N, C-alpha and C. Protein backbone atom coordinates (compact mmCIF):
# COMPACT_ATOMS: atom_id res chain seq x y z
N MET A 1 -89.62 22.20 -213.14
CA MET A 1 -89.22 22.59 -211.78
C MET A 1 -87.48 23.10 -212.19
N ASN A 2 -87.11 23.84 -211.61
CA ASN A 2 -85.97 24.64 -211.65
C ASN A 2 -85.09 23.35 -211.17
N LYS A 3 -83.46 23.62 -211.66
CA LYS A 3 -82.71 23.28 -211.42
C LYS A 3 -82.27 22.93 -210.09
N TYR A 4 -82.31 23.78 -209.51
CA TYR A 4 -81.91 24.20 -207.88
C TYR A 4 -83.26 25.03 -207.41
N VAL A 5 -83.70 24.43 -206.20
CA VAL A 5 -84.64 24.97 -205.62
C VAL A 5 -84.12 25.49 -204.07
N ARG A 6 -84.17 26.36 -203.44
CA ARG A 6 -83.40 26.83 -202.47
C ARG A 6 -84.74 26.83 -201.13
N PHE A 7 -84.65 26.70 -199.92
CA PHE A 7 -85.56 26.53 -198.99
C PHE A 7 -84.42 27.72 -198.06
N ALA A 8 -84.66 28.80 -197.69
CA ALA A 8 -83.80 29.10 -196.46
C ALA A 8 -84.35 28.80 -195.28
N SER A 9 -83.60 28.86 -194.20
CA SER A 9 -84.04 28.20 -192.57
C SER A 9 -83.31 28.87 -191.73
N LEU A 10 -83.65 28.55 -190.58
CA LEU A 10 -82.91 28.87 -189.54
C LEU A 10 -81.73 28.74 -189.30
N LEU A 11 -80.86 28.86 -188.61
CA LEU A 11 -79.58 28.40 -188.60
C LEU A 11 -78.81 28.65 -189.42
N ALA A 12 -79.03 28.90 -190.66
CA ALA A 12 -78.43 29.13 -192.36
C ALA A 12 -78.52 27.87 -192.91
N LEU A 13 -79.82 27.20 -192.43
CA LEU A 13 -79.70 25.98 -192.94
C LEU A 13 -80.30 26.21 -194.27
N VAL A 14 -79.84 25.70 -195.44
CA VAL A 14 -80.53 25.86 -196.83
C VAL A 14 -80.47 24.12 -197.44
N VAL A 15 -81.35 24.08 -198.30
CA VAL A 15 -81.33 22.45 -198.90
C VAL A 15 -81.69 23.36 -200.10
N LEU A 16 -80.01 22.30 -200.66
CA LEU A 16 -80.30 22.78 -202.19
C LEU A 16 -80.51 21.07 -203.23
N MET A 17 -81.44 21.38 -203.93
CA MET A 17 -81.81 20.14 -205.06
C MET A 17 -80.54 20.37 -205.95
N MET A 18 -80.63 19.40 -205.83
CA MET A 18 -79.06 18.67 -207.12
C MET A 18 -79.52 18.74 -208.34
N PRO A 19 -78.79 19.25 -209.43
CA PRO A 19 -78.95 19.13 -210.63
C PRO A 19 -79.84 17.59 -211.19
N TRP A 20 -80.82 18.42 -212.25
CA TRP A 20 -81.70 17.20 -213.18
C TRP A 20 -80.47 15.70 -213.53
N THR A 21 -79.08 16.27 -213.64
CA THR A 21 -77.95 15.23 -214.23
C THR A 21 -78.26 14.10 -213.06
N ALA A 22 -78.10 14.25 -211.78
CA ALA A 22 -78.54 13.57 -210.48
C ALA A 22 -79.54 12.55 -210.54
N GLY A 23 -80.34 12.72 -211.40
CA GLY A 23 -81.40 12.22 -211.79
C GLY A 23 -82.77 12.48 -210.99
N ALA A 24 -83.80 11.60 -211.53
CA ALA A 24 -84.88 11.97 -210.69
C ALA A 24 -86.14 11.04 -210.68
N ILE A 25 -87.33 11.03 -209.69
CA ILE A 25 -87.98 10.13 -209.24
C ILE A 25 -89.12 10.89 -209.29
N VAL A 26 -90.29 9.74 -209.81
CA VAL A 26 -91.77 10.70 -210.36
C VAL A 26 -92.90 9.77 -209.86
N GLU A 27 -93.58 10.46 -209.15
CA GLU A 27 -94.80 10.06 -208.68
C GLU A 27 -95.94 9.73 -210.12
N PRO A 28 -95.85 8.23 -209.86
CA PRO A 28 -96.69 8.43 -211.51
C PRO A 28 -98.33 8.94 -211.63
N GLU A 29 -98.62 8.96 -210.57
CA GLU A 29 -100.48 9.35 -211.00
C GLU A 29 -100.34 11.20 -211.51
N THR A 30 -99.79 11.85 -210.28
CA THR A 30 -99.54 13.54 -210.98
C THR A 30 -98.18 13.60 -211.59
N GLU A 31 -97.33 12.56 -211.82
CA GLU A 31 -96.31 12.87 -212.87
C GLU A 31 -95.02 14.19 -212.52
N MET A 32 -95.36 14.13 -211.05
CA MET A 32 -94.55 15.25 -210.32
C MET A 32 -93.36 14.72 -210.37
N GLU A 33 -92.31 15.27 -210.18
CA GLU A 33 -90.62 14.97 -210.43
C GLU A 33 -90.11 15.72 -209.67
N TYR A 34 -89.21 14.70 -208.52
CA TYR A 34 -87.93 14.97 -207.60
C TYR A 34 -86.78 14.41 -208.05
N ASP A 35 -85.81 15.58 -207.48
CA ASP A 35 -84.46 15.02 -207.49
C ASP A 35 -84.43 14.05 -207.01
N ASP A 36 -83.53 12.80 -207.37
CA ASP A 36 -83.30 11.73 -206.25
C ASP A 36 -82.51 11.52 -204.94
N THR A 37 -81.38 12.90 -205.19
CA THR A 37 -80.66 13.30 -204.08
C THR A 37 -80.73 15.00 -203.77
N VAL A 38 -80.48 15.14 -202.47
CA VAL A 38 -80.48 16.75 -202.11
C VAL A 38 -79.46 16.97 -201.53
N THR A 39 -78.59 18.03 -200.92
CA THR A 39 -77.81 18.53 -200.52
C THR A 39 -77.88 19.57 -199.65
N ILE A 40 -77.62 19.32 -198.25
CA ILE A 40 -78.23 19.97 -197.03
C ILE A 40 -77.02 20.80 -196.31
N GLU A 41 -76.61 22.15 -196.59
CA GLU A 41 -75.59 23.13 -196.08
C GLU A 41 -76.19 23.61 -195.12
N THR A 42 -75.32 23.11 -193.86
CA THR A 42 -75.75 24.22 -192.56
C THR A 42 -74.52 23.74 -191.67
N ASP A 43 -74.04 25.27 -190.85
CA ASP A 43 -73.03 25.66 -189.95
C ASP A 43 -71.49 25.11 -190.47
N GLY A 44 -71.57 25.20 -192.55
CA GLY A 44 -70.41 24.75 -192.67
C GLY A 44 -69.95 23.13 -193.44
N ALA A 45 -71.45 22.92 -192.33
CA ALA A 45 -71.07 21.39 -192.82
C ALA A 45 -72.11 20.57 -194.53
N SER A 46 -71.60 20.22 -194.96
CA SER A 46 -72.61 19.97 -195.74
C SER A 46 -73.12 17.84 -196.08
N HIS A 47 -74.29 17.88 -196.15
CA HIS A 47 -74.65 17.02 -196.59
C HIS A 47 -75.85 16.38 -197.16
N THR A 48 -75.23 14.98 -197.73
CA THR A 48 -76.25 14.40 -199.34
C THR A 48 -76.86 13.71 -198.88
N LEU A 49 -78.36 13.93 -198.85
CA LEU A 49 -79.60 12.88 -198.99
C LEU A 49 -80.18 12.37 -200.36
N ALA A 50 -80.34 10.69 -199.76
CA ALA A 50 -80.97 10.01 -201.04
C ALA A 50 -82.19 10.00 -200.79
N VAL A 51 -82.87 9.68 -201.79
CA VAL A 51 -84.43 9.54 -201.88
C VAL A 51 -84.89 8.28 -201.34
N THR A 52 -85.77 7.92 -200.54
CA THR A 52 -86.21 6.55 -199.72
C THR A 52 -87.49 6.11 -200.80
N GLY A 53 -88.38 7.24 -201.58
CA GLY A 53 -89.40 6.61 -201.81
C GLY A 53 -90.57 8.26 -202.40
N VAL A 54 -91.39 7.92 -203.26
CA VAL A 54 -92.64 8.78 -203.59
C VAL A 54 -93.45 8.33 -203.50
N GLY A 55 -94.96 9.30 -202.86
CA GLY A 55 -95.62 8.56 -203.03
C GLY A 55 -97.23 9.57 -202.85
N LEU A 56 -98.30 8.92 -203.43
CA LEU A 56 -99.16 9.96 -203.00
C LEU A 56 -100.69 9.72 -202.02
N ARG A 57 -100.88 10.56 -201.54
CA ARG A 57 -101.97 10.19 -200.18
C ARG A 57 -102.96 10.27 -200.65
N GLU A 58 -103.93 9.41 -200.82
CA GLU A 58 -105.47 9.60 -201.04
C GLU A 58 -106.25 9.58 -199.74
N LYS A 59 -107.47 10.29 -199.51
CA LYS A 59 -108.49 9.96 -198.84
C LYS A 59 -109.07 8.94 -199.39
N THR A 60 -109.08 8.25 -198.37
CA THR A 60 -109.35 6.50 -198.83
C THR A 60 -110.78 6.26 -199.56
N PHE A 61 -111.74 6.71 -198.76
CA PHE A 61 -113.19 6.16 -199.05
C PHE A 61 -113.49 6.86 -200.37
N MET A 62 -113.09 8.08 -200.73
CA MET A 62 -113.22 8.89 -201.95
C MET A 62 -112.47 8.82 -202.86
N LYS A 63 -110.96 8.18 -202.67
CA LYS A 63 -109.87 8.35 -203.59
C LYS A 63 -109.81 9.84 -204.30
N VAL A 64 -109.69 11.03 -203.34
CA VAL A 64 -109.30 12.27 -203.92
C VAL A 64 -107.97 12.49 -203.35
N ASN A 65 -107.13 12.74 -204.22
CA ASN A 65 -105.56 13.39 -203.77
C ASN A 65 -105.72 14.42 -202.60
N VAL A 66 -105.19 13.72 -202.03
CA VAL A 66 -104.36 15.00 -200.72
C VAL A 66 -103.19 15.80 -200.89
N TYR A 67 -102.14 15.33 -201.31
CA TYR A 67 -100.70 15.48 -201.41
C TYR A 67 -100.19 14.28 -201.84
N VAL A 68 -98.77 15.31 -202.74
CA VAL A 68 -97.56 14.41 -202.95
C VAL A 68 -96.27 14.22 -202.12
N ILE A 69 -96.08 13.04 -201.47
CA ILE A 69 -94.75 12.99 -200.79
C ILE A 69 -93.76 12.53 -201.06
N VAL A 70 -92.40 13.17 -201.03
CA VAL A 70 -91.21 12.27 -201.27
C VAL A 70 -90.41 12.69 -200.17
N SER A 71 -89.86 11.43 -199.66
CA SER A 71 -88.88 11.30 -198.42
C SER A 71 -87.28 11.09 -199.11
N TYR A 72 -86.37 11.58 -197.51
CA TYR A 72 -84.97 11.53 -197.78
C TYR A 72 -84.25 10.96 -196.95
N VAL A 73 -83.36 10.47 -196.84
CA VAL A 73 -82.39 10.25 -195.54
C VAL A 73 -80.81 10.21 -196.24
N ALA A 74 -79.70 10.39 -195.21
CA ALA A 74 -78.37 10.59 -194.99
C ALA A 74 -78.14 9.76 -196.31
N GLU A 75 -77.58 9.82 -196.73
CA GLU A 75 -76.80 8.91 -198.01
C GLU A 75 -76.03 7.56 -197.26
N GLY A 76 -76.13 6.45 -198.09
CA GLY A 76 -75.66 5.31 -197.60
C GLY A 76 -75.81 4.81 -196.06
N THR A 77 -77.06 5.63 -195.58
CA THR A 77 -78.28 4.76 -194.59
C THR A 77 -78.52 3.30 -194.73
N GLU A 78 -78.02 2.41 -193.85
CA GLU A 78 -78.69 1.51 -194.27
C GLU A 78 -79.83 0.85 -192.99
N LEU A 79 -80.56 0.83 -193.35
CA LEU A 79 -82.29 0.19 -193.03
C LEU A 79 -82.10 -1.19 -192.24
N LYS A 80 -83.03 -1.60 -191.32
CA LYS A 80 -82.89 -2.58 -191.22
C LYS A 80 -83.99 -3.16 -190.25
N GLY A 81 -84.74 -4.18 -190.45
CA GLY A 81 -85.83 -4.95 -189.94
C GLY A 81 -87.03 -4.33 -190.26
N ASP A 82 -87.77 -3.95 -189.72
CA ASP A 82 -89.30 -2.72 -190.17
C ASP A 82 -88.29 -1.32 -190.77
N LEU A 83 -88.38 -1.24 -192.17
CA LEU A 83 -87.62 -0.52 -192.41
C LEU A 83 -88.14 1.25 -192.18
N GLY A 84 -89.60 1.45 -192.09
CA GLY A 84 -89.82 2.56 -191.50
C GLY A 84 -89.53 2.64 -189.92
N VAL A 85 -89.69 2.04 -189.17
CA VAL A 85 -89.50 2.09 -187.86
C VAL A 85 -88.07 2.65 -188.18
N SER A 86 -87.19 1.45 -188.35
CA SER A 86 -85.73 2.04 -188.57
C SER A 86 -85.38 3.23 -189.30
N LEU A 87 -86.20 3.62 -190.01
CA LEU A 87 -85.75 5.00 -190.64
C LEU A 87 -86.44 6.38 -189.74
N LEU A 88 -87.50 6.16 -189.03
CA LEU A 88 -88.06 7.19 -188.21
C LEU A 88 -87.12 7.12 -186.76
N GLU A 89 -86.35 6.11 -186.58
CA GLU A 89 -85.58 6.01 -185.13
C GLU A 89 -84.36 6.75 -185.87
N LEU A 90 -83.98 6.84 -186.89
CA LEU A 90 -82.52 6.80 -187.49
C LEU A 90 -82.40 8.67 -187.13
N ASP A 91 -80.79 8.73 -186.20
CA ASP A 91 -80.81 9.69 -185.75
C ASP A 91 -79.65 10.47 -187.00
N ALA A 92 -80.10 11.13 -187.86
CA ALA A 92 -79.00 10.97 -189.21
C ALA A 92 -80.25 12.16 -189.62
N PRO A 93 -79.33 13.01 -190.84
CA PRO A 93 -80.21 14.15 -191.49
C PRO A 93 -81.19 12.99 -192.25
N LYS A 94 -82.52 13.83 -192.13
CA LYS A 94 -83.39 13.37 -193.47
C LYS A 94 -84.24 14.48 -193.24
N MET A 95 -85.31 14.27 -194.08
CA MET A 95 -85.99 15.17 -194.92
C MET A 95 -87.47 14.79 -195.56
N ILE A 96 -88.55 15.63 -195.45
CA ILE A 96 -89.99 14.91 -195.99
C ILE A 96 -90.33 15.92 -196.79
N ARG A 97 -90.62 16.14 -198.13
CA ARG A 97 -91.27 17.10 -198.66
C ARG A 97 -92.64 17.17 -199.21
N MET A 98 -94.17 17.75 -198.61
CA MET A 98 -94.98 17.55 -198.99
C MET A 98 -95.42 18.81 -199.61
N ASP A 99 -95.87 18.31 -201.25
CA ASP A 99 -97.01 19.28 -202.29
C ASP A 99 -98.43 19.19 -201.71
N LEU A 100 -99.26 19.65 -201.60
CA LEU A 100 -100.48 19.73 -201.51
C LEU A 100 -101.31 19.87 -202.48
N VAL A 101 -102.33 18.67 -203.24
CA VAL A 101 -102.73 19.18 -204.31
C VAL A 101 -104.21 19.25 -204.21
N ARG A 102 -104.58 19.75 -203.04
CA ARG A 102 -106.22 19.99 -202.60
C ARG A 102 -106.29 21.09 -201.52
N GLY A 103 -106.32 21.34 -201.27
CA GLY A 103 -107.02 22.34 -200.05
C GLY A 103 -108.01 21.92 -199.03
N PHE A 104 -107.75 22.70 -197.66
CA PHE A 104 -108.93 21.86 -196.84
C PHE A 104 -108.24 22.39 -195.65
N SER A 105 -108.96 22.51 -194.96
CA SER A 105 -108.62 23.38 -193.16
C SER A 105 -107.85 23.20 -192.44
N ARG A 106 -107.95 24.16 -192.04
CA ARG A 106 -106.59 23.88 -191.00
C ARG A 106 -106.40 22.91 -189.93
N GLU A 107 -108.14 22.79 -189.42
CA GLU A 107 -108.10 21.68 -188.39
C GLU A 107 -107.96 20.00 -189.17
N LYS A 108 -108.22 20.14 -190.31
CA LYS A 108 -108.28 18.83 -190.67
C LYS A 108 -106.51 18.72 -190.85
N LEU A 109 -105.91 19.74 -191.25
CA LEU A 109 -104.33 19.62 -191.61
C LEU A 109 -103.74 19.02 -189.92
N VAL A 110 -104.34 19.88 -189.01
CA VAL A 110 -103.20 19.47 -187.96
C VAL A 110 -103.49 18.10 -187.38
N ASN A 111 -105.10 17.59 -187.40
CA ASN A 111 -105.81 16.69 -187.18
C ASN A 111 -105.01 15.33 -187.80
N ALA A 112 -104.94 15.49 -189.32
CA ALA A 112 -103.98 14.52 -189.93
C ALA A 112 -102.97 13.99 -189.61
N PHE A 113 -102.21 15.21 -188.53
CA PHE A 113 -101.01 14.37 -188.01
C PHE A 113 -101.10 14.11 -186.85
N LYS A 114 -102.04 14.71 -185.59
CA LYS A 114 -101.99 14.31 -183.91
C LYS A 114 -102.70 13.15 -184.29
N ASP A 115 -103.94 12.66 -185.02
CA ASP A 115 -104.64 11.35 -184.80
C ASP A 115 -103.68 10.13 -185.58
N VAL A 116 -102.58 10.49 -186.31
CA VAL A 116 -101.42 9.21 -186.21
C VAL A 116 -100.45 9.12 -185.35
N ILE A 117 -100.48 10.61 -185.06
CA ILE A 117 -99.49 10.41 -183.85
C ILE A 117 -99.43 9.89 -182.58
N GLU A 118 -101.22 9.81 -182.29
CA GLU A 118 -101.69 9.11 -181.11
C GLU A 118 -101.86 7.61 -181.09
N GLU A 119 -101.79 7.37 -182.70
CA GLU A 119 -102.46 5.85 -182.77
C GLU A 119 -101.07 5.20 -182.83
N ASN A 120 -99.89 5.84 -182.78
CA ASN A 120 -98.65 5.35 -182.29
C ASN A 120 -97.71 5.50 -180.89
N TYR A 121 -98.36 6.27 -180.09
CA TYR A 121 -97.78 6.58 -178.82
C TYR A 121 -99.18 6.74 -177.77
N GLU A 122 -99.19 5.68 -176.88
CA GLU A 122 -100.22 5.88 -176.10
C GLU A 122 -99.71 7.21 -174.56
N ASP A 123 -98.27 7.26 -174.67
CA ASP A 123 -97.76 8.21 -173.71
C ASP A 123 -97.15 9.02 -175.16
N GLN A 124 -97.82 10.57 -174.91
CA GLN A 124 -97.04 11.52 -175.39
C GLN A 124 -96.50 12.36 -175.14
N SER A 125 -96.17 12.26 -173.47
CA SER A 125 -95.24 13.03 -172.65
C SER A 125 -94.07 13.94 -172.94
N ALA A 126 -93.56 12.81 -173.60
CA ALA A 126 -92.03 13.32 -173.86
C ALA A 126 -91.86 14.34 -175.12
N PHE A 127 -92.92 14.48 -175.79
CA PHE A 127 -92.64 15.43 -176.43
C PHE A 127 -94.27 16.23 -177.11
N ALA A 128 -95.08 16.38 -176.00
CA ALA A 128 -96.63 16.86 -176.08
C ALA A 128 -96.25 18.25 -176.38
N ALA A 129 -95.27 19.37 -175.55
CA ALA A 129 -94.97 20.57 -175.73
C ALA A 129 -94.77 20.65 -177.21
N ASP A 130 -93.93 20.09 -177.56
CA ASP A 130 -92.98 20.30 -179.20
C ASP A 130 -94.44 20.25 -179.95
N MET A 131 -95.08 19.12 -179.54
CA MET A 131 -96.22 18.91 -180.74
C MET A 131 -97.25 20.21 -180.77
N GLU A 132 -97.44 20.72 -179.47
CA GLU A 132 -98.34 21.78 -179.63
C GLU A 132 -97.41 22.99 -180.38
N THR A 133 -96.06 23.10 -179.94
CA THR A 133 -95.65 24.00 -180.70
C THR A 133 -95.85 24.18 -182.45
N PHE A 134 -95.54 22.61 -182.42
CA PHE A 134 -95.66 22.39 -184.03
C PHE A 134 -97.00 22.98 -184.62
N PHE A 135 -97.93 22.48 -183.68
CA PHE A 135 -99.66 22.57 -184.38
C PHE A 135 -99.70 24.22 -184.92
N ALA A 136 -98.80 25.12 -184.04
CA ALA A 136 -99.00 26.42 -183.91
C ALA A 136 -98.36 26.60 -185.31
N TYR A 137 -97.26 26.25 -185.68
CA TYR A 137 -97.37 26.87 -187.12
C TYR A 137 -97.99 26.88 -188.23
N PHE A 138 -99.33 26.11 -188.14
CA PHE A 138 -100.31 26.17 -189.28
C PHE A 138 -101.23 27.04 -188.53
N LYS A 139 -101.34 28.43 -189.06
CA LYS A 139 -102.38 29.62 -188.62
C LYS A 139 -103.64 29.49 -189.55
N LYS A 140 -103.82 28.77 -191.07
CA LYS A 140 -104.59 29.28 -191.51
C LYS A 140 -105.12 28.29 -192.60
N ASP A 141 -105.82 27.73 -193.10
CA ASP A 141 -106.41 26.73 -193.95
C ASP A 141 -105.37 26.21 -195.34
N ALA A 142 -105.18 25.41 -195.15
CA ALA A 142 -103.73 24.68 -196.30
C ALA A 142 -104.47 25.00 -197.80
N GLU A 143 -103.86 25.56 -198.73
CA GLU A 143 -103.76 25.52 -200.05
C GLU A 143 -103.45 24.63 -201.07
N GLU A 144 -104.19 24.19 -201.80
CA GLU A 144 -103.72 23.60 -203.24
C GLU A 144 -102.06 24.56 -203.79
N GLU A 145 -101.48 23.70 -203.93
CA GLU A 145 -100.19 24.02 -204.28
C GLU A 145 -98.76 24.76 -203.21
N ASP A 146 -99.81 24.47 -201.56
CA ASP A 146 -98.71 24.51 -200.60
C ASP A 146 -97.60 23.50 -200.65
N ILE A 147 -96.56 23.73 -200.10
CA ILE A 147 -95.41 23.35 -200.41
C ILE A 147 -94.92 23.04 -198.20
N LEU A 148 -94.93 21.85 -198.08
CA LEU A 148 -94.13 21.85 -196.38
C LEU A 148 -93.30 21.17 -196.87
N ILE A 149 -91.93 21.38 -195.84
CA ILE A 149 -90.44 20.64 -195.88
C ILE A 149 -90.49 20.88 -194.34
N PHE A 150 -90.13 19.39 -193.97
CA PHE A 150 -89.56 19.11 -192.76
C PHE A 150 -88.10 18.21 -192.66
N THR A 151 -86.95 19.19 -192.41
CA THR A 151 -85.77 18.87 -192.58
C THR A 151 -85.24 18.31 -190.86
N TYR A 152 -84.36 17.79 -190.65
CA TYR A 152 -83.67 17.21 -189.37
C TYR A 152 -82.53 17.24 -189.66
N ILE A 153 -81.57 17.80 -188.95
CA ILE A 153 -80.34 17.80 -188.91
C ILE A 153 -79.86 17.64 -187.25
N PRO A 154 -78.79 16.35 -187.23
CA PRO A 154 -78.34 16.01 -185.87
C PRO A 154 -77.70 17.27 -185.27
N GLY A 155 -77.80 17.68 -184.27
CA GLY A 155 -77.23 18.65 -183.30
C GLY A 155 -77.95 20.11 -183.77
N THR A 156 -79.14 20.15 -184.73
CA THR A 156 -79.46 21.58 -185.27
C THR A 156 -80.93 21.59 -184.63
N GLY A 157 -81.87 20.41 -185.17
CA GLY A 157 -83.22 20.17 -184.89
C GLY A 157 -84.08 19.73 -186.25
N LEU A 158 -85.28 19.82 -186.13
CA LEU A 158 -86.17 19.75 -187.19
C LEU A 158 -86.19 20.93 -187.29
N ASN A 159 -85.94 21.61 -188.48
CA ASN A 159 -86.62 22.91 -189.17
C ASN A 159 -88.01 22.69 -190.20
N THR A 160 -88.99 23.39 -189.99
CA THR A 160 -90.29 23.36 -190.95
C THR A 160 -90.75 24.63 -191.61
N VAL A 161 -90.63 24.31 -193.10
CA VAL A 161 -90.32 25.52 -194.16
C VAL A 161 -91.99 25.33 -194.66
N LEU A 162 -92.68 26.38 -194.77
CA LEU A 162 -94.11 26.16 -195.33
C LEU A 162 -93.90 27.20 -196.34
N ASN A 163 -94.22 26.77 -197.82
CA ASN A 163 -94.13 27.85 -198.95
C ASN A 163 -92.75 28.87 -198.87
N GLY A 164 -91.94 28.10 -198.30
CA GLY A 164 -90.31 28.97 -198.23
C GLY A 164 -90.26 30.03 -196.83
N GLU A 165 -91.16 30.01 -196.52
CA GLU A 165 -91.14 30.66 -195.30
C GLU A 165 -90.56 29.12 -194.03
N ASP A 166 -89.57 29.99 -192.57
CA ASP A 166 -89.36 29.36 -192.01
C ASP A 166 -90.43 29.08 -190.83
N GLN A 167 -91.09 28.28 -190.09
CA GLN A 167 -91.55 28.71 -188.92
C GLN A 167 -91.23 28.18 -187.75
N GLY A 168 -90.53 27.29 -187.62
CA GLY A 168 -89.56 27.16 -186.41
C GLY A 168 -88.72 25.87 -186.37
N LEU A 169 -88.24 25.87 -185.47
CA LEU A 169 -87.26 24.91 -185.32
C LEU A 169 -87.44 24.15 -183.64
N ILE A 170 -87.58 22.83 -183.93
CA ILE A 170 -87.80 21.72 -182.51
C ILE A 170 -86.28 21.24 -182.20
N THR A 171 -85.63 21.03 -181.12
CA THR A 171 -84.70 20.01 -181.24
C THR A 171 -84.83 19.06 -180.66
N ASN A 172 -86.12 18.34 -180.11
CA ASN A 172 -86.50 17.48 -179.07
C ASN A 172 -86.21 16.27 -180.34
N PHE A 173 -85.73 15.35 -179.96
CA PHE A 173 -85.71 14.28 -181.51
C PHE A 173 -86.69 13.43 -180.93
N GLU A 174 -87.55 13.42 -179.91
CA GLU A 174 -88.51 12.58 -179.58
C GLU A 174 -89.59 13.23 -180.58
N PHE A 175 -89.50 14.35 -180.60
CA PHE A 175 -90.98 14.66 -181.39
C PHE A 175 -90.67 14.55 -183.11
N VAL A 176 -89.39 14.66 -183.24
CA VAL A 176 -88.90 14.33 -185.27
C VAL A 176 -89.61 12.50 -184.91
N LYS A 177 -89.10 11.97 -183.83
CA LYS A 177 -89.61 10.35 -184.38
C LYS A 177 -91.16 10.95 -184.12
N ALA A 178 -91.86 10.97 -183.49
CA ALA A 178 -93.18 10.81 -183.28
C ALA A 178 -93.65 11.71 -184.91
N LEU A 179 -93.31 12.39 -185.25
CA LEU A 179 -93.52 12.90 -186.84
C LEU A 179 -93.56 12.11 -187.85
N TRP A 180 -92.02 11.59 -187.74
CA TRP A 180 -92.16 10.47 -188.88
C TRP A 180 -92.99 9.74 -188.75
N THR A 181 -93.35 9.12 -187.52
CA THR A 181 -94.52 7.97 -187.50
C THR A 181 -95.53 8.10 -188.60
N VAL A 182 -95.99 9.67 -188.39
CA VAL A 182 -97.23 9.76 -189.70
C VAL A 182 -97.34 8.83 -190.94
N TRP A 183 -95.64 9.16 -191.34
CA TRP A 183 -95.89 8.08 -192.92
C TRP A 183 -94.95 6.55 -192.56
N PHE A 184 -94.25 6.13 -191.76
CA PHE A 184 -93.14 5.53 -191.49
C PHE A 184 -93.58 4.26 -190.12
N GLY A 185 -94.50 4.66 -189.10
CA GLY A 185 -94.72 3.96 -187.90
C GLY A 185 -95.31 2.91 -187.86
N GLU A 186 -95.47 2.25 -187.24
CA GLU A 186 -95.88 0.18 -187.38
C GLU A 186 -97.71 1.19 -187.45
N ASP A 187 -97.95 2.13 -187.36
CA ASP A 187 -99.17 2.54 -187.48
C ASP A 187 -99.63 3.59 -188.51
N PRO A 188 -99.06 3.93 -189.96
CA PRO A 188 -99.11 4.77 -190.36
C PRO A 188 -100.35 5.47 -190.59
N ALA A 189 -100.26 6.76 -191.49
CA ALA A 189 -101.81 7.29 -192.29
C ALA A 189 -102.14 6.12 -193.29
N SER A 190 -101.24 5.82 -194.02
CA SER A 190 -101.45 4.83 -194.84
C SER A 190 -100.28 3.84 -195.41
N ASN A 191 -100.83 2.23 -195.13
CA ASN A 191 -99.71 1.63 -195.42
C ASN A 191 -99.32 1.17 -196.53
N GLY A 192 -100.10 1.91 -197.65
CA GLY A 192 -99.50 1.61 -199.04
C GLY A 192 -98.47 2.64 -199.26
N LEU A 193 -99.10 3.62 -198.57
CA LEU A 193 -97.83 4.88 -198.39
C LEU A 193 -96.88 4.71 -197.92
N LYS A 194 -96.77 4.45 -196.68
CA LYS A 194 -95.42 3.68 -196.53
C LYS A 194 -94.46 2.95 -197.20
N GLU A 195 -95.02 2.29 -197.99
CA GLU A 195 -94.42 1.09 -198.66
C GLU A 195 -93.86 2.02 -200.15
N ASP A 196 -94.53 2.85 -200.84
CA ASP A 196 -93.69 3.61 -201.75
C ASP A 196 -92.87 4.66 -201.14
N LEU A 197 -92.87 5.14 -199.79
CA LEU A 197 -91.99 6.24 -199.38
C LEU A 197 -90.57 5.39 -199.43
N LEU A 198 -91.04 3.94 -199.16
CA LEU A 198 -89.46 3.21 -199.03
C LEU A 198 -89.01 2.24 -200.22
N ALA A 199 -89.71 2.74 -201.26
CA ALA A 199 -89.69 1.68 -202.34
C ALA A 199 -88.28 1.60 -202.57
N LYS A 200 -87.28 2.68 -202.62
CA LYS A 200 -86.00 3.02 -202.81
C LYS A 200 -85.28 1.94 -202.30
N VAL A 201 -85.26 1.70 -201.03
CA VAL A 201 -84.46 1.28 -200.15
C VAL A 201 -85.21 -0.42 -199.98
N ALA A 202 -86.07 -0.71 -200.34
CA ALA A 202 -86.38 -1.99 -199.69
C ALA A 202 -85.58 -2.98 -200.72
N GLY A 203 -85.35 -4.37 -200.01
CA GLY A 203 -84.37 -5.09 -200.55
C GLY A 203 -85.51 -5.78 -202.08
């Protein structure tokens, strides 16, 4: 992995992975490594994010690896109560990166997001249009080694980058929270994965 990885995005949003001297976090089964801090620069401002955890998503029944995921939140953030819910409701810089380790259909990818969001929200009216906009970003089947990065900056919005290419910007914070419920909600995709993604901030 290069010392610096750049992801160009809308509104001149750039994510810079910090040098290895900043430290690294490793997903044990796949041995994939990620920097433990990242810097986000946008509109002349710089934000340092610290890792909250890394995890591996598996299909429960067959134990098939699906993706490795790492989560970051603004450095110095204090989470209280249900750490996951506190993180998803936090209106502060945060980022999620997904590295796919197998391919699957576009339908499965979209439903993976949709089904969990619907489990966490009986009423999706506050972000329904944004959710459809988000799903439209995914125009083809997912492939092994695809990289998805979701970066939220207050005042800018949620930027989605697929394999280094901008997909769009969503400014509705209600949708940002809804997307984060996939991993951090009261009914996440996987409770074990939720714990792994919060391991660095858990007391």
